[in-house]
C-alpha cells in the first residue's frame, strides 16, 4: 500500500508541475475573493475524509484500470480547449477532475469507489458561480421591492436601484447572496455525506442547502432595508449591514443542520479494525501494472500543456484603423461623454465620435490578441459599468438583433444612467469573423480558431448615443449602424 500511495503522490506532484499556472490562477482567486475563500479548506477536508477510511482501504484490491486512460485523455483535451479559449473555469475543473482519474487509473475501481466522495469533493476548490450574480441580484431586488410594497412602503425602482421615503438603496454583488449560496452548498454536501447513507436523503438535504440560502438572502435584504428605514437610516447602512447579514446566515444554517439531524442515519458500515486480517484477494497487486498505469497517465497529463504551447504562439500587435466615414457620418474631435466601458488591456482600441448633421454617435472597439488572464475579450471582469462605479449605473439590458444586407447582427441594448445624463448602448462580440452576444459561444469560436491555427483574435464593438428616452437617439443609432456596419467589419478583418 505504501508503494501505491507513493505512486499516487508522485502522479499528483507531476500533475501540479505541468498545470501550475492553472492551480496558481485558482489560488489567486481564493486570495482576492471572499466568495471563494472557503476553498482553502477543501483539500484538508478531503484528506481527512480519506484518512478516516484508511483501514477500509487496506483491505481493498489494487488493480490498475487502464480503460480510464481514455477519460483522462478526454478531460485533458477539455483543458486544452479551455486554455485556447481563455476559459479559466474549464481549465480548473479539468485539472481537478484529473486527480480522481489518476487514482482510478493507478489503484483501480475498488479504491476509486471507496474514495469517490472525498476525491470529487475537491471540485469545490474551483471558483465557480459568478455568472449567477446578475440573476441572483435581480431576484433579490424583485423580492425586496415586492416585500416593501406588501408592507406598505412606497418604492420607486430603476434596475437594481430603488428609493423609499427614508433613503436610496441598491442591490450590488455583495447583496446577491452568492457567498451564502456557495458556502451553504459546500457545507450542505459535506453534512449530507457525513450524516446520511441513502442517496435520497443526501439529495434532498443538498437541494435544501441550495434553496434555503437563496430565500434567506431575500429575507435578509428586506430586513436590512426595513431596519434602515425604521431607524431613519441610522442602522444597517454601514459595516453593521454585513454583520447582520452573516449573523442571519449563521442562524439559518444552524436551523438547517438542526432540522437535518432529525433524520440522520448511521454514518458508515462497520470498518475493519486496525490489525484485522484483510479479506482474501484474487491476487497480489502488481507493482509493474501500477507503474505502467502511472507512466501512461503521466504521459497523457503532459501532452496537453505541451500542445497548448505549440498552438498559442505569440503574434505581433494588430494594426487597427478607425472605420472610414460612410453614409454622411464624419469623425469629429472630442469625446461624446465621460463614460468608458470596462474592457481592460486590449491590444488595440478605437474611441471615435462620429457626427451627421446634429446627431452624434460614438464608437468603441476593443481588439484582443494573444489573450491571457486579465487581458481577455470575454471575462467576468469585463462589463459596460462596474458595480463600484459611483457615477454610472445600468437601468436595463435586452437582447435584440439588427439586419444589414440580409445578415443578422445580434447585439445587446443597454440603457445607462448618471447624474449628468443617460446613454443608449449597443454592443456585440466579434470572434473569428463572426458576430455574437453569447459569451460561451464566443469562447467556442476562439478555441476553434486556435485549433485551426488562425489565432485568438476577437473584439468588442460598442456604439452609443445620449438620451435613450428620445426617439432621435434610437434613430441616430440605427442610421449609424446601417451606414457604418461594412466599414466596421472591414476594419476588424484588416486588423486580423
Protein backbone atom coordinates (compact mmCIF):
# COMPACT_ATOMS: atom_id res chain seq x y z
CA UNK A 1 0.00 0.00 0.00
CA UNK A 2 2.92 2.36 0.69
CA UNK A 3 4.19 1.77 -2.84
CA UNK A 4 0.75 2.57 -4.26
CA UNK A 5 0.45 5.70 -2.12
CA UNK A 6 3.89 6.86 -3.30
CA UNK A 7 2.88 6.37 -6.94
CA UNK A 8 -0.32 8.38 -6.47
CA UNK A 9 1.51 11.15 -4.62
CA UNK A 10 4.12 11.30 -7.39
CA UNK A 11 1.37 11.50 -10.00
CA UNK A 12 -0.25 14.41 -8.13
CA UNK A 13 3.04 16.30 -7.98
CA UNK A 14 3.59 15.63 -11.68
CA UNK A 15 0.10 16.99 -12.41
CA UNK A 16 0.74 20.10 -10.33
CA UNK A 17 4.07 20.73 -12.09
CA UNK A 18 2.50 20.69 -15.56
CA UNK A 19 -0.62 22.65 -14.59
CA UNK A 20 0.99 25.06 -12.17
CA UNK A 21 -0.39 28.12 -13.97
CA UNK A 22 -3.94 26.78 -13.69
CA UNK A 23 -3.51 25.99 -9.99
CA UNK A 24 -1.89 29.36 -9.33
CA UNK A 25 -4.78 31.20 -11.01
CA UNK A 26 -7.25 29.28 -8.88
CA UNK A 27 -5.43 30.12 -5.64
CA UNK A 28 -5.16 33.79 -6.67
CA UNK A 29 -8.96 33.94 -6.87
CA UNK A 30 -9.27 32.36 -3.41
CA UNK A 31 -7.00 35.07 -2.03
CA UNK A 32 -8.68 38.00 -3.76
CA UNK A 33 -12.36 36.98 -3.42
CA UNK A 34 -14.16 36.46 -0.12
CA UNK A 35 -16.75 34.43 -2.02
CA UNK A 36 -14.23 31.63 -2.59
CA UNK A 37 -12.01 31.92 0.49
CA UNK A 38 -13.55 28.69 1.81
CA UNK A 39 -11.69 26.79 -0.94
CA UNK A 40 -8.52 26.77 1.20
CA UNK A 41 -10.30 24.24 3.45
CA UNK A 42 -11.43 21.84 0.73
CA UNK A 43 -8.16 19.92 0.24
CA UNK A 44 -7.59 19.41 4.03
CA UNK A 45 -11.20 18.21 4.42
CA UNK A 46 -10.76 15.79 1.52
CA UNK A 47 -7.52 14.48 3.04
CA UNK A 48 -9.27 13.95 6.39
CA UNK A 49 -12.13 12.07 4.71
CA UNK A 50 -9.60 9.79 3.01
CA UNK A 51 -7.64 9.28 6.24
CA UNK A 52 -10.72 8.18 8.18
CA UNK A 53 -11.19 5.33 5.66
CA UNK A 54 -7.59 4.15 5.74
CA UNK A 55 -8.41 0.82 7.42
CA UNK A 56 -11.03 0.03 4.78
CA UNK A 57 -8.58 0.92 2.00
CA UNK A 58 -6.04 -1.57 3.36
CA UNK A 59 -8.46 -4.41 2.59
CA UNK A 60 -9.23 -3.40 -0.98
CA UNK A 61 -7.78 -4.89 -4.13
CA UNK A 62 -5.29 -2.74 -6.02
CA UNK A 63 -5.67 -3.36 -9.73
CA UNK A 64 -4.96 -0.55 -12.24
CA UNK A 65 -7.80 0.46 -14.55
CA UNK A 66 -6.32 1.14 -17.98
CA UNK A 67 -9.64 1.96 -19.77
CA UNK A 68 -9.86 5.05 -17.54
CA UNK A 69 -6.94 6.45 -19.55
CA UNK A 70 -9.48 7.33 -22.25
CA UNK A 71 -11.37 9.53 -19.77
CA UNK A 72 -8.12 11.17 -18.69
CA UNK A 73 -7.36 11.96 -22.34
CA UNK A 74 -10.86 13.43 -22.81
CA UNK A 75 -10.55 15.63 -19.72
CA UNK A 76 -7.08 16.71 -20.82
CA UNK A 77 -8.45 17.73 -24.21
CA UNK A 78 -11.13 19.69 -22.37
CA UNK A 79 -8.38 21.52 -20.51
CA UNK A 80 -6.70 22.30 -23.84
CA UNK A 81 -9.93 23.78 -25.22
CA UNK A 82 -10.30 25.83 -22.05
CA UNK A 83 -6.73 27.07 -22.38
CA UNK A 84 -7.11 28.03 -26.04
CA UNK A 85 -10.42 29.82 -25.41
CA UNK A 86 -9.24 31.54 -22.23
CA UNK A 87 -11.97 29.80 -20.19
CA UNK A 88 -10.25 29.62 -16.81
CA UNK A 89 -13.03 27.72 -15.07
CA UNK A 90 -12.87 24.96 -17.72
CA UNK A 91 -9.13 24.61 -17.17
CA UNK A 92 -9.57 24.48 -13.41
CA UNK A 93 -12.34 21.89 -13.46
CA UNK A 94 -10.37 19.76 -15.90
CA UNK A 95 -7.24 19.88 -13.75
CA UNK A 96 -9.13 18.92 -10.58
CA UNK A 97 -11.00 16.12 -12.38
CA UNK A 98 -7.66 14.60 -13.32
CA UNK A 99 -6.99 13.87 -9.64
CA UNK A 100 -9.70 11.19 -9.15
CA UNK A 101 -8.91 9.82 -12.62
CA UNK A 102 -5.27 9.34 -11.67
CA UNK A 103 -6.34 7.45 -8.55
CA UNK A 104 -8.70 5.31 -10.65
CA UNK A 105 -6.02 4.50 -13.23
CA UNK A 106 -3.26 3.66 -10.76
CA UNK A 107 -5.17 1.99 -7.89
CA UNK A 108 -8.23 0.60 -9.62
CA UNK A 109 -12.00 0.63 -9.33
CA UNK A 110 -12.38 -0.61 -5.74
CA UNK A 111 -10.29 2.21 -4.29
CA UNK A 112 -11.90 4.72 -6.66
CA UNK A 113 -15.41 3.77 -5.49
CA UNK A 114 -14.39 3.92 -1.83
CA UNK A 115 -12.85 7.37 -2.23
CA UNK A 116 -15.28 8.80 -4.79
CA UNK A 117 -16.78 11.44 -2.48
CA UNK A 118 -13.51 12.76 -0.97
CA UNK A 119 -11.95 12.93 -4.44
CA UNK A 120 -14.86 14.64 -6.18
CA UNK A 121 -15.35 16.93 -3.18
CA UNK A 122 -12.17 18.61 -4.46
CA UNK A 123 -14.29 20.14 -7.24
CA UNK A 124 -15.47 22.68 -4.67
CA UNK A 125 -11.97 24.18 -4.90
CA UNK A 126 -12.86 25.59 -8.32
CA UNK A 127 -14.14 29.20 -8.04
CA UNK A 128 -17.36 28.82 -9.97
CA UNK A 129 -20.70 30.59 -9.90
CA UNK A 130 -20.02 34.28 -10.51
CA UNK A 131 -22.20 34.13 -13.63
CA UNK A 132 -25.16 33.66 -11.26
CA UNK A 133 -24.65 37.05 -9.61
CA UNK A 134 -26.76 39.16 -12.03
CA UNK A 135 -29.66 36.69 -11.80
CA UNK A 136 -29.45 36.48 -8.01
CA UNK A 137 -29.26 40.27 -7.77
CA UNK A 138 -32.36 40.60 -9.95
CA UNK A 139 -34.35 38.12 -7.84
CA UNK A 140 -33.18 39.77 -4.61
CA UNK A 141 -34.27 43.18 -5.85
CA UNK A 142 -37.60 41.77 -7.06
CA UNK A 143 -38.38 40.21 -3.68
CA UNK A 144 -37.21 43.21 -1.67
CA UNK A 145 -39.35 45.64 -3.68
CA UNK A 146 -42.34 43.28 -3.51
CA UNK A 147 -41.97 42.83 0.27
CA UNK A 148 -41.61 46.57 0.84
CA UNK A 149 -44.73 47.34 -1.15
CA UNK A 150 -46.60 44.48 0.54
CA UNK A 151 -45.81 46.00 3.94
CA UNK A 152 -46.94 49.46 2.86
CA UNK A 153 -43.62 51.12 2.00
CA UNK A 154 -43.75 53.03 -1.32
CA UNK A 155 -40.88 52.19 -3.67
CA UNK A 156 -39.54 53.74 -6.88
CA UNK A 157 -37.26 51.32 -8.76
CA UNK A 158 -34.75 51.74 -11.58
CA UNK A 159 -32.95 48.50 -12.38
CA UNK A 160 -31.14 47.36 -9.22
CA UNK A 161 -31.60 50.77 -7.58
CA UNK A 162 -34.69 51.71 -5.61
CA UNK A 163 -35.77 54.61 -3.45
CA UNK A 164 -38.07 54.62 -0.42
CA UNK A 165 -39.14 57.65 1.65
CA UNK A 166 -36.24 57.27 4.07
CA UNK A 167 -33.44 56.88 1.51
CA UNK A 168 -31.97 55.09 -1.50
CA UNK A 169 -30.71 51.51 -1.77
CA UNK A 170 -29.08 49.35 -4.41
CA UNK A 171 -28.56 45.63 -4.85
CA UNK A 172 -24.89 45.04 -5.68
CA UNK A 173 -22.77 41.87 -5.96
CA UNK A 174 -22.36 41.56 -2.19
CA UNK A 175 -26.17 41.54 -1.86
CA UNK A 176 -26.70 38.79 -4.43
CA UNK A 177 -26.33 36.05 -1.84
CA UNK A 178 -23.80 34.14 -3.96
CA UNK A 179 -21.43 33.88 -1.00
CA UNK A 180 -24.16 32.39 1.16
CA UNK A 181 -25.23 30.02 -1.60
CA UNK A 182 -21.74 28.65 -2.29
CA UNK A 183 -20.91 28.32 1.42
CA UNK A 184 -24.24 26.63 2.12
CA UNK A 185 -23.91 24.20 -0.80
CA UNK A 186 -20.36 23.22 0.22
CA UNK A 187 -21.31 22.67 3.85
CA UNK A 188 -24.58 21.02 2.86
CA UNK A 189 -22.95 18.44 0.61
CA UNK A 190 -20.37 17.60 3.27
CA UNK A 191 -23.01 17.40 6.01
CA UNK A 192 -25.24 15.17 3.86
CA UNK A 193 -22.34 12.78 3.20
CA UNK A 194 -21.41 12.53 6.88
CA UNK A 195 -24.98 12.37 8.20
CA UNK A 196 -26.87 10.14 5.75
CA UNK A 197 -26.24 6.90 3.88
CA UNK A 198 -29.16 6.83 1.46
CA UNK A 199 -28.86 8.74 -1.81
CA UNK A 200 -32.39 10.13 -1.48
CA UNK A 201 -31.75 11.82 1.86
CA UNK A 202 -28.43 13.19 0.69
CA UNK A 203 -30.04 14.62 -2.45
CA UNK A 204 -32.95 16.16 -0.53
CA UNK A 205 -30.68 17.84 2.02
CA UNK A 206 -28.40 19.12 -0.74
CA UNK A 207 -31.41 20.61 -2.52
CA UNK A 208 -32.46 22.39 0.68
CA UNK A 209 -28.89 23.70 1.10
CA UNK A 210 -29.41 25.47 -2.25
CA UNK A 211 -32.98 26.71 -1.76
CA UNK A 212 -32.70 27.86 1.85
CA UNK A 213 -29.80 30.36 1.43
CA UNK A 214 -31.45 31.94 -1.62
CA UNK A 215 -34.73 32.55 0.21
CA UNK A 216 -32.85 33.55 3.37
CA UNK A 217 -30.89 36.15 1.40
CA UNK A 218 -34.14 37.66 0.13
CA UNK A 219 -35.40 37.95 3.70
CA UNK A 220 -32.03 39.32 4.83
CA UNK A 221 -32.12 42.07 2.18
CA UNK A 222 -35.68 43.04 3.09
CA UNK A 223 -34.94 43.10 6.83
CA UNK A 224 -31.81 45.25 6.34
CA UNK A 225 -33.77 47.78 4.29
CA UNK A 226 -36.52 47.81 6.91
CA UNK A 227 -34.01 48.25 9.74
CA UNK A 228 -32.53 51.22 7.89
CA UNK A 229 -35.99 52.60 7.12
CA UNK A 230 -37.34 52.29 10.66
CA UNK A 231 -34.15 53.74 12.18
CA UNK A 232 -34.15 56.75 9.81
CA UNK A 233 -31.06 55.33 8.04
CA UNK A 234 -29.00 55.14 11.23
CA UNK A 235 -28.72 51.33 11.39
CA UNK A 236 -27.76 48.68 8.80
CA UNK A 237 -26.20 51.23 6.43
CA UNK A 238 -22.51 50.69 7.23
CA UNK A 239 -20.36 47.77 8.33
CA UNK A 240 -23.23 46.56 10.51
CA UNK A 241 -25.02 45.84 7.21
CA UNK A 242 -22.57 42.96 6.59
CA UNK A 243 -22.51 41.87 10.23
CA UNK A 244 -26.30 41.49 10.31
CA UNK A 245 -26.13 39.51 7.09
CA UNK A 246 -23.58 36.96 8.30
CA UNK A 247 -25.26 36.60 11.69
CA UNK A 248 -28.56 35.91 9.98
CA UNK A 249 -26.88 33.42 7.63
CA UNK A 250 -25.25 31.64 10.58
CA UNK A 251 -28.59 31.28 12.34
CA UNK A 252 -30.24 29.97 9.16
CA UNK A 253 -27.51 27.34 8.67
CA UNK A 254 -27.76 26.21 12.29
CA UNK A 255 -31.50 25.75 11.88
CA UNK A 256 -30.94 23.85 8.61
CA UNK A 257 -28.42 21.47 10.21
CA UNK A 258 -30.60 21.00 13.27
CA UNK A 259 -33.55 20.09 11.08
CA UNK A 260 -31.38 17.74 9.03
CA UNK A 261 -30.10 15.94 12.13
CA UNK A 262 -33.62 14.71 12.92
CA UNK A 263 -33.36 12.24 10.02
CA UNK A 264 -29.73 11.24 10.44
CA UNK A 265 -28.61 7.68 9.68
CA UNK A 266 -25.67 5.57 10.80
CA UNK A 267 -22.75 7.17 9.09
CA UNK A 268 -20.74 4.25 7.76
CA UNK A 269 -20.94 0.47 7.70
CA UNK A 270 -18.57 -1.24 10.13
CA UNK A 271 -14.95 -0.94 9.07
CA UNK A 272 -12.14 -3.34 9.61
CA UNK A 273 -10.34 -2.73 12.88
CA UNK A 274 -6.64 -1.87 12.89
CA UNK A 275 -4.63 -5.05 12.54
CA UNK A 276 -7.57 -7.12 11.34
CA UNK A 277 -6.83 -9.58 8.56
CA UNK A 278 -8.00 -8.33 5.17
CA UNK A 279 -10.33 -10.50 3.13
CA UNK A 280 -8.88 -12.82 0.53
CA UNK A 281 -7.86 -11.19 -2.72
CA UNK A 282 -7.88 -12.57 -6.22
CA UNK A 283 -4.18 -11.96 -6.40
CA UNK A 284 -1.44 -9.66 -5.10
CA UNK A 285 -1.28 -6.20 -6.61
CA UNK A 286 1.18 -5.97 -9.49
CA UNK A 287 3.72 -3.22 -8.94
CA UNK A 288 4.64 -3.38 -12.60
CA UNK A 289 0.99 -2.89 -13.62
CA UNK A 290 0.58 0.07 -11.28
CA UNK A 291 3.80 1.60 -12.56
CA UNK A 292 2.64 1.09 -16.15
CA UNK A 293 -0.63 2.84 -15.38
CA UNK A 294 1.19 5.69 -13.65
CA UNK A 295 3.60 6.20 -16.56
CA UNK A 296 0.79 6.12 -19.15
CA UNK A 297 -1.20 8.62 -17.09
CA UNK A 298 1.87 10.84 -16.70
CA UNK A 299 2.31 10.96 -20.47
CA UNK A 300 -1.33 11.94 -21.01
CA UNK A 301 -1.08 14.60 -18.32
CA UNK A 302 1.91 16.22 -20.04
CA UNK A 303 0.58 16.11 -23.62
CA UNK A 304 -1.97 18.91 -23.32
CA UNK A 305 0.18 21.72 -21.84
CA UNK A 306 2.80 20.93 -24.49
CA UNK A 307 0.13 21.14 -27.21
CA UNK A 308 -1.12 24.44 -25.80
CA UNK A 309 2.37 25.96 -26.02
CA UNK A 310 2.65 24.79 -29.63
CA UNK A 311 -0.73 26.22 -30.65
CA UNK A 312 -0.54 29.51 -28.74
CA UNK A 313 2.39 31.17 -30.48
CA UNK A 314 2.51 34.92 -29.90
CA UNK A 315 1.59 37.23 -32.79
CA UNK A 316 2.50 40.92 -33.26
CA UNK A 317 0.09 43.62 -32.14
CA UNK A 318 -2.74 44.30 -34.62
CA UNK A 319 -2.87 47.44 -36.75
CA UNK A 320 -6.42 48.56 -36.04
CA UNK A 321 -7.65 51.53 -38.06
CA UNK A 322 -10.74 53.61 -37.35
CA UNK A 323 -13.60 52.73 -39.73
CA UNK A 324 -13.74 55.03 -42.76
CA UNK A 325 -16.58 57.59 -42.94
CA UNK A 326 -19.72 56.41 -44.69
CA UNK A 327 -23.31 57.49 -45.24
CA UNK A 328 -22.58 61.09 -44.28
CA UNK A 329 -21.13 60.17 -40.87
CA UNK A 330 -17.86 62.01 -40.30
CA UNK A 331 -15.34 61.63 -37.42
CA UNK A 332 -15.20 64.65 -35.11
CA UNK A 333 -12.85 65.60 -32.32
CA UNK A 334 -13.69 65.25 -28.66
CA UNK A 335 -15.47 62.65 -26.56
CA UNK A 336 -19.22 62.24 -26.59
CA UNK A 337 -19.30 61.55 -22.84
CA UNK A 338 -17.04 60.79 -19.91
CA UNK A 339 -18.25 57.18 -19.81
CA UNK A 340 -15.95 54.39 -20.99
CA UNK A 341 -16.67 50.64 -20.93
CA UNK A 342 -14.57 48.44 -18.68
CA UNK A 343 -12.80 46.08 -21.09
CA UNK A 344 -9.21 46.25 -19.82
CA UNK A 345 -5.93 45.72 -21.67
CA UNK A 346 -6.94 45.30 -25.32
CA UNK A 347 -4.07 45.03 -27.79
CA UNK A 348 -5.60 47.89 -29.77
CA UNK A 349 -8.63 50.09 -29.38
CA UNK A 350 -10.64 52.83 -31.06
CA UNK A 351 -12.61 55.61 -29.35
CA UNK A 352 -14.13 57.81 -32.01
CA UNK A 353 -17.15 60.10 -32.16
CA UNK A 354 -19.00 60.49 -35.46
CA UNK A 355 -21.40 63.26 -36.48
CA UNK A 356 -24.12 63.63 -39.09
CA UNK A 357 -25.96 66.94 -39.05
CA UNK A 358 -26.95 67.43 -35.38
CA UNK A 359 -26.71 63.73 -34.46
CA UNK A 360 -23.74 62.34 -32.53
CA UNK A 361 -22.84 58.66 -32.12
CA UNK A 362 -19.66 57.25 -30.54
CA UNK A 363 -17.83 54.05 -31.45
CA UNK A 364 -15.59 51.99 -29.19
CA UNK A 365 -13.71 48.91 -30.40
CA UNK A 366 -11.50 46.89 -28.06
CA UNK A 367 -9.37 44.44 -30.07
CA UNK A 368 -7.77 41.45 -28.29
CA UNK A 369 -4.92 39.19 -29.40
CA UNK A 370 -2.53 36.88 -27.50
CA UNK A 371 -5.13 36.77 -24.76
CA UNK A 372 -4.18 35.94 -21.19
CA UNK A 373 -5.56 36.25 -17.68
CA UNK A 374 -6.60 39.85 -17.13
CA UNK A 375 -6.43 40.67 -20.85
CA UNK A 376 -9.30 38.67 -22.35
CA UNK A 377 -12.20 39.60 -24.58
CA UNK A 378 -14.70 37.57 -22.56
CA UNK A 379 -14.25 37.73 -18.80
CA UNK A 380 -16.42 38.15 -15.74
CA UNK A 381 -14.50 41.39 -15.10
CA UNK A 382 -15.43 42.91 -18.46
CA UNK A 383 -18.58 44.99 -18.31
CA UNK A 384 -20.14 48.21 -19.50
CA UNK A 385 -20.46 49.57 -15.96
CA UNK A 386 -18.65 48.21 -12.91
CA UNK A 387 -20.62 47.72 -9.71
CA UNK A 388 -18.27 50.11 -7.89
CA UNK A 389 -18.86 52.91 -10.41
CA UNK A 390 -20.17 55.88 -8.43
CA UNK A 391 -21.40 57.80 -11.46
CA UNK A 392 -22.96 55.39 -13.96
CA UNK A 393 -25.48 52.60 -13.40
CA UNK A 394 -27.30 50.12 -15.62
CA UNK A 395 -31.05 50.58 -15.91
CA UNK A 396 -31.87 47.76 -18.32
CA UNK A 397 -30.30 45.37 -20.81
CA UNK A 398 -32.07 43.34 -23.50
CA UNK A 399 -31.02 41.23 -26.47
CA UNK A 400 -32.05 42.25 -29.93
CA UNK A 401 -30.75 41.99 -33.49
CA UNK A 402 -30.15 44.28 -36.45
CA UNK A 403 -30.35 43.21 -40.08
CA UNK A 404 -27.98 44.62 -42.69
CA UNK A 405 -27.62 43.28 -46.23
CA UNK A 406 -29.72 40.22 -45.29
CA UNK A 407 -27.31 39.38 -42.48
CA UNK A 408 -28.39 39.47 -38.86
CA UNK A 409 -26.15 41.02 -36.22
CA UNK A 410 -27.09 40.09 -32.65
CA UNK A 411 -26.47 42.76 -30.05
CA UNK A 412 -27.30 43.76 -26.50
CA UNK A 413 -29.11 47.06 -25.97
CA UNK A 414 -28.36 48.68 -22.62
CA UNK A 415 -29.62 51.88 -21.04
CA UNK A 416 -27.17 53.66 -18.73
CA UNK A 417 -27.94 56.49 -16.31
CA UNK A 418 -25.84 59.05 -14.47
CA UNK A 419 -26.46 62.37 -12.74
CA UNK A 420 -25.33 64.21 -15.85
CA UNK A 421 -27.32 62.27 -18.45
CA UNK A 422 -28.16 58.91 -19.97
CA UNK A 423 -26.88 56.70 -22.79
CA UNK A 424 -28.26 54.12 -25.19
CA UNK A 425 -25.59 51.46 -25.80
CA UNK A 426 -25.42 48.62 -28.36
CA UNK A 427 -22.61 46.10 -28.14
CA UNK A 428 -21.60 42.70 -29.50
CA UNK A 429 -18.54 40.45 -29.81
CA UNK A 430 -16.63 39.69 -32.99
CA UNK A 431 -14.65 36.42 -32.89
CA UNK A 432 -13.09 34.56 -35.81
CA UNK A 433 -15.07 36.70 -38.23
CA UNK A 434 -18.45 36.03 -36.58
CA UNK A 435 -20.72 38.29 -34.52
CA UNK A 436 -22.25 37.01 -31.29
CA UNK A 437 -23.52 38.18 -27.91
CA UNK A 438 -23.26 34.73 -26.32
CA UNK A 439 -20.11 34.67 -24.22
CA UNK A 440 -19.94 30.87 -24.20
CA UNK A 441 -20.21 30.69 -27.97
CA UNK A 442 -17.52 33.35 -28.22
CA UNK A 443 -15.23 31.06 -26.23
CA UNK A 444 -16.06 28.14 -28.53
CA UNK A 445 -15.27 30.23 -31.61
CA UNK A 446 -11.98 31.31 -30.08
CA UNK A 447 -10.96 27.72 -29.28
CA UNK A 448 -11.89 26.60 -32.82
CA UNK A 449 -9.86 29.41 -34.33
CA UNK A 450 -6.85 28.48 -32.22
CA UNK A 451 -7.10 24.78 -33.12
CA UNK A 452 -7.19 25.71 -36.82
CA UNK A 453 -4.12 27.91 -36.45
CA UNK A 454 -5.90 31.23 -37.00
CA UNK A 455 -5.02 32.79 -33.64
CA UNK A 456 -7.27 34.07 -30.85
CA UNK A 457 -8.27 37.44 -32.33
CA UNK A 458 -11.53 38.93 -31.08
CA UNK A 459 -13.09 42.31 -30.42
CA UNK A 460 -15.92 44.01 -28.60
CA UNK A 461 -17.82 46.56 -30.70
CA UNK A 462 -19.76 49.25 -28.79
CA UNK A 463 -21.79 52.11 -30.26
CA UNK A 464 -23.66 54.60 -28.09
CA UNK A 465 -25.60 57.84 -28.16
CA UNK A 466 -27.05 60.13 -25.47
CA UNK A 467 -30.68 60.48 -24.32
CA UNK A 468 -32.07 56.95 -24.89
CA UNK A 469 -35.55 58.17 -23.94
CA UNK A 470 -35.73 60.30 -27.08
CA UNK A 471 -36.70 58.77 -30.46
CA UNK A 472 -33.85 60.69 -32.09
CA UNK A 473 -31.26 58.64 -30.20
CA UNK A 474 -32.53 55.27 -31.45
CA UNK A 475 -32.94 56.66 -34.95
CA UNK A 476 -29.37 58.01 -34.97
CA UNK A 477 -28.04 54.65 -33.75
CA UNK A 478 -30.00 52.85 -36.46
CA UNK A 479 -28.71 55.14 -39.20
CA UNK A 480 -25.14 54.92 -37.93
CA UNK A 481 -25.30 51.12 -37.81
CA UNK A 482 -26.69 50.82 -41.34
CA UNK A 483 -24.11 53.21 -42.78
CA UNK A 484 -21.01 52.18 -40.82
CA UNK A 485 -21.51 48.43 -40.37
CA UNK A 486 -19.49 47.47 -43.52
CA UNK A 487 -16.67 49.85 -42.56
CA UNK A 488 -16.51 48.39 -39.03
CA UNK A 489 -16.34 44.86 -40.47
CA UNK A 490 -13.53 45.86 -42.87
CA UNK A 491 -11.56 47.47 -40.04
CA UNK A 492 -11.77 44.29 -37.96
CA UNK A 493 -10.87 41.98 -40.88
CA UNK A 494 -7.93 44.16 -41.87
CA UNK A 495 -6.60 44.02 -38.33
CA UNK A 496 -6.93 40.24 -38.31
